[in-house]
Amino acid sequence: MGKVSMMGTITCQEGKGDEMEAVLVAMVEAAREEPGTEIYSYHRSEDDTFWFFALMTDQGAMESHGRTEAMQAAMATFMPLMADRPQMTVTRPVAAIGFEI
């Protein structure tokens, strides 16, 4: 099937933006050495909405990412800071600059 990407947004509770940012930084560090992870990034807007983009080598890498012990621990810390459920979409890249498809 090829590479798989995930994009989405996370809205944190009012006043929890800095805490959320610290958790997301830890999540990126935890994902750094995961096999199949090519890009794993969070981006913060001025209203404390966080945007997410990940690129994995294949669907298997995407699935195993969420099951790691480090990700499960990070999610337990991350979930109470959210104002609502994250909005995530899994996609297949079709054209890009900066990475091979």
N, C-alpha and C. Protein backbone atom coordinates (compact mmCIF):
# COMPACT_ATOMS: atom_id res chain seq x y z
N MET A 1 0.82 -1.20 0.00
CA MET A 1 0.00 0.00 0.00
C MET A 1 0.86 1.26 0.00
N GLY A 2 1.99 1.25 0.65
CA GLY A 2 2.85 2.42 0.68
C GLY A 2 2.70 3.24 1.94
N LYS A 3 3.22 4.44 1.87
CA LYS A 3 3.26 5.31 3.04
C LYS A 3 1.87 5.77 3.46
N VAL A 4 1.75 6.06 4.76
CA VAL A 4 0.50 6.49 5.35
C VAL A 4 0.78 7.76 6.16
N SER A 5 -0.11 8.73 6.04
CA SER A 5 0.02 9.94 6.83
C SER A 5 -1.21 10.12 7.71
N MET A 6 -1.03 10.89 8.75
CA MET A 6 -2.14 11.23 9.63
C MET A 6 -2.05 12.72 9.91
N MET A 7 -3.20 13.37 9.84
CA MET A 7 -3.29 14.80 10.13
C MET A 7 -4.45 15.03 11.07
N GLY A 8 -4.33 16.07 11.88
CA GLY A 8 -5.46 16.35 12.75
C GLY A 8 -5.25 17.55 13.63
N THR A 9 -6.26 17.79 14.45
CA THR A 9 -6.22 18.89 15.41
C THR A 9 -6.59 18.40 16.79
N ILE A 10 -6.04 19.09 17.77
CA ILE A 10 -6.32 18.80 19.17
C ILE A 10 -6.60 20.14 19.84
N THR A 11 -7.73 20.24 20.51
CA THR A 11 -8.06 21.45 21.25
C THR A 11 -7.89 21.15 22.73
N CYS A 12 -7.07 21.95 23.38
CA CYS A 12 -6.85 21.70 24.81
C CYS A 12 -7.77 22.60 25.63
N GLN A 13 -7.92 22.24 26.89
CA GLN A 13 -8.73 23.04 27.80
C GLN A 13 -8.08 24.40 27.99
N GLU A 14 -8.91 25.38 28.25
CA GLU A 14 -8.42 26.74 28.46
C GLU A 14 -7.39 26.76 29.60
N GLY A 15 -6.28 27.41 29.34
CA GLY A 15 -5.23 27.52 30.34
C GLY A 15 -4.30 26.32 30.42
N LYS A 16 -4.52 25.31 29.59
CA LYS A 16 -3.72 24.08 29.63
C LYS A 16 -2.76 23.97 28.45
N GLY A 17 -2.61 25.03 27.66
CA GLY A 17 -1.77 24.97 26.47
C GLY A 17 -0.32 24.61 26.74
N ASP A 18 0.27 25.19 27.78
CA ASP A 18 1.67 24.90 28.07
C ASP A 18 1.85 23.46 28.56
N GLU A 19 0.89 22.97 29.36
CA GLU A 19 0.95 21.58 29.80
C GLU A 19 0.81 20.64 28.60
N MET A 20 -0.12 20.97 27.71
CA MET A 20 -0.33 20.15 26.51
C MET A 20 0.94 20.13 25.66
N GLU A 21 1.54 21.29 25.49
CA GLU A 21 2.77 21.36 24.69
C GLU A 21 3.85 20.46 25.28
N ALA A 22 4.02 20.46 26.59
CA ALA A 22 5.04 19.62 27.22
C ALA A 22 4.76 18.14 26.98
N VAL A 23 3.50 17.74 27.05
CA VAL A 23 3.13 16.34 26.80
C VAL A 23 3.41 15.98 25.34
N LEU A 24 3.08 16.88 24.42
CA LEU A 24 3.29 16.59 23.00
C LEU A 24 4.78 16.52 22.66
N VAL A 25 5.58 17.36 23.28
CA VAL A 25 7.04 17.27 23.09
C VAL A 25 7.53 15.89 23.55
N ALA A 26 7.02 15.42 24.68
CA ALA A 26 7.40 14.09 25.18
C ALA A 26 6.93 12.99 24.22
N MET A 27 5.77 13.15 23.62
CA MET A 27 5.27 12.16 22.67
C MET A 27 6.17 12.09 21.44
N VAL A 28 6.62 13.24 20.98
CA VAL A 28 7.53 13.26 19.82
C VAL A 28 8.83 12.54 20.19
N GLU A 29 9.35 12.81 21.35
CA GLU A 29 10.59 12.15 21.77
C GLU A 29 10.39 10.63 21.87
N ALA A 30 9.24 10.22 22.37
CA ALA A 30 8.95 8.78 22.48
C ALA A 30 8.85 8.13 21.11
N ALA A 31 8.35 8.87 20.11
CA ALA A 31 8.18 8.31 18.77
C ALA A 31 9.46 8.36 17.94
N ARG A 32 10.45 9.10 18.41
CA ARG A 32 11.66 9.34 17.63
C ARG A 32 12.33 8.06 17.13
N GLU A 33 12.38 7.04 17.92
CA GLU A 33 13.08 5.80 17.55
C GLU A 33 12.15 4.69 17.08
N GLU A 34 10.87 4.98 16.92
CA GLU A 34 9.95 3.94 16.48
C GLU A 34 10.21 3.57 15.02
N PRO A 35 10.33 2.28 14.74
CA PRO A 35 10.50 1.85 13.35
C PRO A 35 9.33 2.31 12.49
N GLY A 36 9.64 2.83 11.32
CA GLY A 36 8.59 3.23 10.39
C GLY A 36 8.12 4.66 10.54
N THR A 37 8.60 5.38 11.55
CA THR A 37 8.20 6.77 11.74
C THR A 37 9.14 7.68 10.97
N GLU A 38 8.62 8.37 9.97
CA GLU A 38 9.44 9.28 9.16
C GLU A 38 9.27 10.73 9.60
N ILE A 39 8.03 11.14 9.83
CA ILE A 39 7.75 12.49 10.32
C ILE A 39 6.72 12.35 11.43
N TYR A 40 6.93 13.07 12.52
CA TYR A 40 5.99 13.05 13.63
C TYR A 40 6.06 14.42 14.27
N SER A 41 5.04 15.25 14.06
CA SER A 41 5.16 16.65 14.48
C SER A 41 3.84 17.20 15.01
N TYR A 42 3.98 18.13 15.96
CA TYR A 42 2.86 18.90 16.48
C TYR A 42 3.17 20.37 16.27
N HIS A 43 2.13 21.16 16.05
CA HIS A 43 2.27 22.58 15.76
C HIS A 43 1.20 23.31 16.57
N ARG A 44 1.56 24.43 17.17
CA ARG A 44 0.64 25.15 18.06
C ARG A 44 0.20 26.47 17.43
N SER A 45 -1.11 26.71 17.43
CA SER A 45 -1.62 27.99 16.95
C SER A 45 -1.83 28.92 18.14
N GLU A 46 -2.11 30.18 17.85
CA GLU A 46 -2.24 31.18 18.92
C GLU A 46 -3.40 30.89 19.87
N ASP A 47 -4.42 30.18 19.41
CA ASP A 47 -5.56 29.89 20.28
C ASP A 47 -5.41 28.57 21.02
N ASP A 48 -4.19 28.05 21.07
CA ASP A 48 -3.88 26.78 21.76
C ASP A 48 -4.55 25.57 21.13
N THR A 49 -4.83 25.67 19.84
CA THR A 49 -5.18 24.48 19.08
C THR A 49 -3.86 23.90 18.60
N PHE A 50 -3.72 22.60 18.71
CA PHE A 50 -2.50 21.93 18.26
C PHE A 50 -2.82 21.13 17.01
N TRP A 51 -1.95 21.24 16.04
CA TRP A 51 -2.09 20.56 14.75
C TRP A 51 -1.05 19.45 14.71
N PHE A 52 -1.42 18.34 14.12
CA PHE A 52 -0.59 17.14 14.11
C PHE A 52 -0.36 16.68 12.68
N PHE A 53 0.86 16.25 12.40
CA PHE A 53 1.16 15.60 11.13
C PHE A 53 2.15 14.48 11.37
N ALA A 54 1.85 13.31 10.85
CA ALA A 54 2.76 12.17 10.93
C ALA A 54 2.83 11.50 9.56
N LEU A 55 4.00 10.96 9.26
CA LEU A 55 4.20 10.17 8.05
C LEU A 55 4.88 8.88 8.47
N MET A 56 4.26 7.77 8.12
CA MET A 56 4.78 6.45 8.47
C MET A 56 5.07 5.67 7.19
N THR A 57 5.99 4.73 7.28
CA THR A 57 6.36 3.95 6.10
C THR A 57 5.22 3.09 5.57
N ASP A 58 4.31 2.67 6.46
CA ASP A 58 3.18 1.84 6.03
C ASP A 58 2.13 1.78 7.13
N GLN A 59 1.03 1.13 6.84
CA GLN A 59 -0.08 1.02 7.78
C GLN A 59 0.34 0.29 9.05
N GLY A 60 1.18 -0.72 8.92
CA GLY A 60 1.65 -1.46 10.09
C GLY A 60 2.39 -0.57 11.07
N ALA A 61 3.24 0.32 10.56
CA ALA A 61 3.97 1.25 11.43
C ALA A 61 2.99 2.19 12.13
N MET A 62 1.96 2.64 11.43
CA MET A 62 0.96 3.53 12.02
C MET A 62 0.23 2.81 13.15
N GLU A 63 -0.15 1.58 12.91
CA GLU A 63 -0.88 0.81 13.92
C GLU A 63 -0.02 0.50 15.14
N SER A 64 1.22 0.11 14.93
CA SER A 64 2.07 -0.24 16.06
C SER A 64 2.47 0.99 16.89
N HIS A 65 2.50 2.15 16.26
CA HIS A 65 2.84 3.39 16.96
C HIS A 65 1.93 3.62 18.17
N GLY A 66 0.65 3.49 18.00
CA GLY A 66 -0.30 3.75 19.08
C GLY A 66 -0.30 2.70 20.17
N ARG A 67 0.30 1.56 19.91
CA ARG A 67 0.30 0.48 20.88
C ARG A 67 1.57 0.42 21.73
N THR A 68 2.54 1.29 21.47
CA THR A 68 3.77 1.24 22.25
C THR A 68 3.50 1.67 23.69
N GLU A 69 4.31 1.16 24.59
CA GLU A 69 4.17 1.51 26.00
C GLU A 69 4.33 3.01 26.22
N ALA A 70 5.30 3.61 25.52
CA ALA A 70 5.54 5.05 25.67
C ALA A 70 4.34 5.87 25.20
N MET A 71 3.73 5.47 24.10
CA MET A 71 2.57 6.21 23.60
C MET A 71 1.36 6.02 24.51
N GLN A 72 1.18 4.83 25.04
CA GLN A 72 0.06 4.61 25.96
C GLN A 72 0.21 5.47 27.20
N ALA A 73 1.43 5.58 27.73
CA ALA A 73 1.68 6.42 28.90
C ALA A 73 1.45 7.89 28.58
N ALA A 74 1.92 8.33 27.41
CA ALA A 74 1.74 9.73 27.01
C ALA A 74 0.25 10.05 26.83
N MET A 75 -0.49 9.13 26.25
CA MET A 75 -1.91 9.36 26.03
C MET A 75 -2.66 9.51 27.35
N ALA A 76 -2.25 8.75 28.37
CA ALA A 76 -2.90 8.85 29.68
C ALA A 76 -2.73 10.26 30.26
N THR A 77 -1.61 10.90 29.98
CA THR A 77 -1.35 12.26 30.45
C THR A 77 -2.04 13.28 29.56
N PHE A 78 -2.10 13.00 28.30
CA PHE A 78 -2.62 13.90 27.26
C PHE A 78 -4.15 14.04 27.31
N MET A 79 -4.84 12.94 27.51
CA MET A 79 -6.30 12.93 27.43
C MET A 79 -6.98 13.91 28.40
N PRO A 80 -6.58 14.00 29.66
CA PRO A 80 -7.26 14.93 30.58
C PRO A 80 -7.07 16.42 30.22
N LEU A 81 -6.13 16.74 29.37
CA LEU A 81 -5.88 18.13 29.00
C LEU A 81 -6.73 18.59 27.82
N MET A 82 -7.38 17.66 27.15
CA MET A 82 -8.16 17.99 25.95
C MET A 82 -9.52 18.57 26.30
N ALA A 83 -9.97 19.51 25.49
CA ALA A 83 -11.31 20.08 25.64
C ALA A 83 -12.35 19.22 24.93
N ASP A 84 -11.89 18.48 23.93
CA ASP A 84 -12.78 17.66 23.11
C ASP A 84 -11.96 16.54 22.50
N ARG A 85 -12.62 15.61 21.86
CA ARG A 85 -11.91 14.52 21.19
C ARG A 85 -11.02 15.07 20.08
N PRO A 86 -9.83 14.50 19.89
CA PRO A 86 -9.00 14.95 18.77
C PRO A 86 -9.67 14.60 17.45
N GLN A 87 -9.43 15.42 16.46
CA GLN A 87 -9.95 15.18 15.11
C GLN A 87 -8.77 14.70 14.26
N MET A 88 -8.73 13.43 13.94
CA MET A 88 -7.61 12.84 13.20
C MET A 88 -8.13 12.14 11.95
N THR A 89 -7.35 12.25 10.88
CA THR A 89 -7.68 11.59 9.62
C THR A 89 -6.43 10.89 9.09
N VAL A 90 -6.58 9.64 8.73
CA VAL A 90 -5.50 8.88 8.11
C VAL A 90 -5.63 9.03 6.60
N THR A 91 -4.52 9.34 5.94
CA THR A 91 -4.52 9.59 4.51
C THR A 91 -3.35 8.87 3.84
N ARG A 92 -3.31 8.95 2.54
CA ARG A 92 -2.22 8.41 1.74
C ARG A 92 -1.60 9.57 0.96
N PRO A 93 -0.33 9.86 1.16
CA PRO A 93 0.27 10.98 0.43
C PRO A 93 0.31 10.69 -1.08
N VAL A 94 0.06 11.75 -1.87
CA VAL A 94 0.08 11.60 -3.32
C VAL A 94 1.11 12.49 -4.00
N ALA A 95 1.52 13.59 -3.36
CA ALA A 95 2.54 14.48 -3.92
C ALA A 95 3.18 15.25 -2.76
N ALA A 96 4.49 15.45 -2.81
CA ALA A 96 5.15 16.12 -1.70
C ALA A 96 6.52 16.67 -2.10
N ILE A 97 6.96 17.67 -1.37
CA ILE A 97 8.35 18.13 -1.37
C ILE A 97 8.87 17.87 0.04
N GLY A 98 10.03 17.32 0.16
CA GLY A 98 10.62 17.11 1.47
C GLY A 98 10.66 15.67 1.94
N PHE A 99 9.90 14.81 1.27
CA PHE A 99 9.98 13.38 1.58
C PHE A 99 9.54 12.57 0.36
N GLU A 100 10.07 11.37 0.30
CA GLU A 100 9.71 10.46 -0.79
C GLU A 100 8.37 9.80 -0.51
N ILE A 101 7.60 9.63 -1.55
CA ILE A 101 6.29 8.98 -1.40
C ILE A 101 6.41 7.49 -1.65
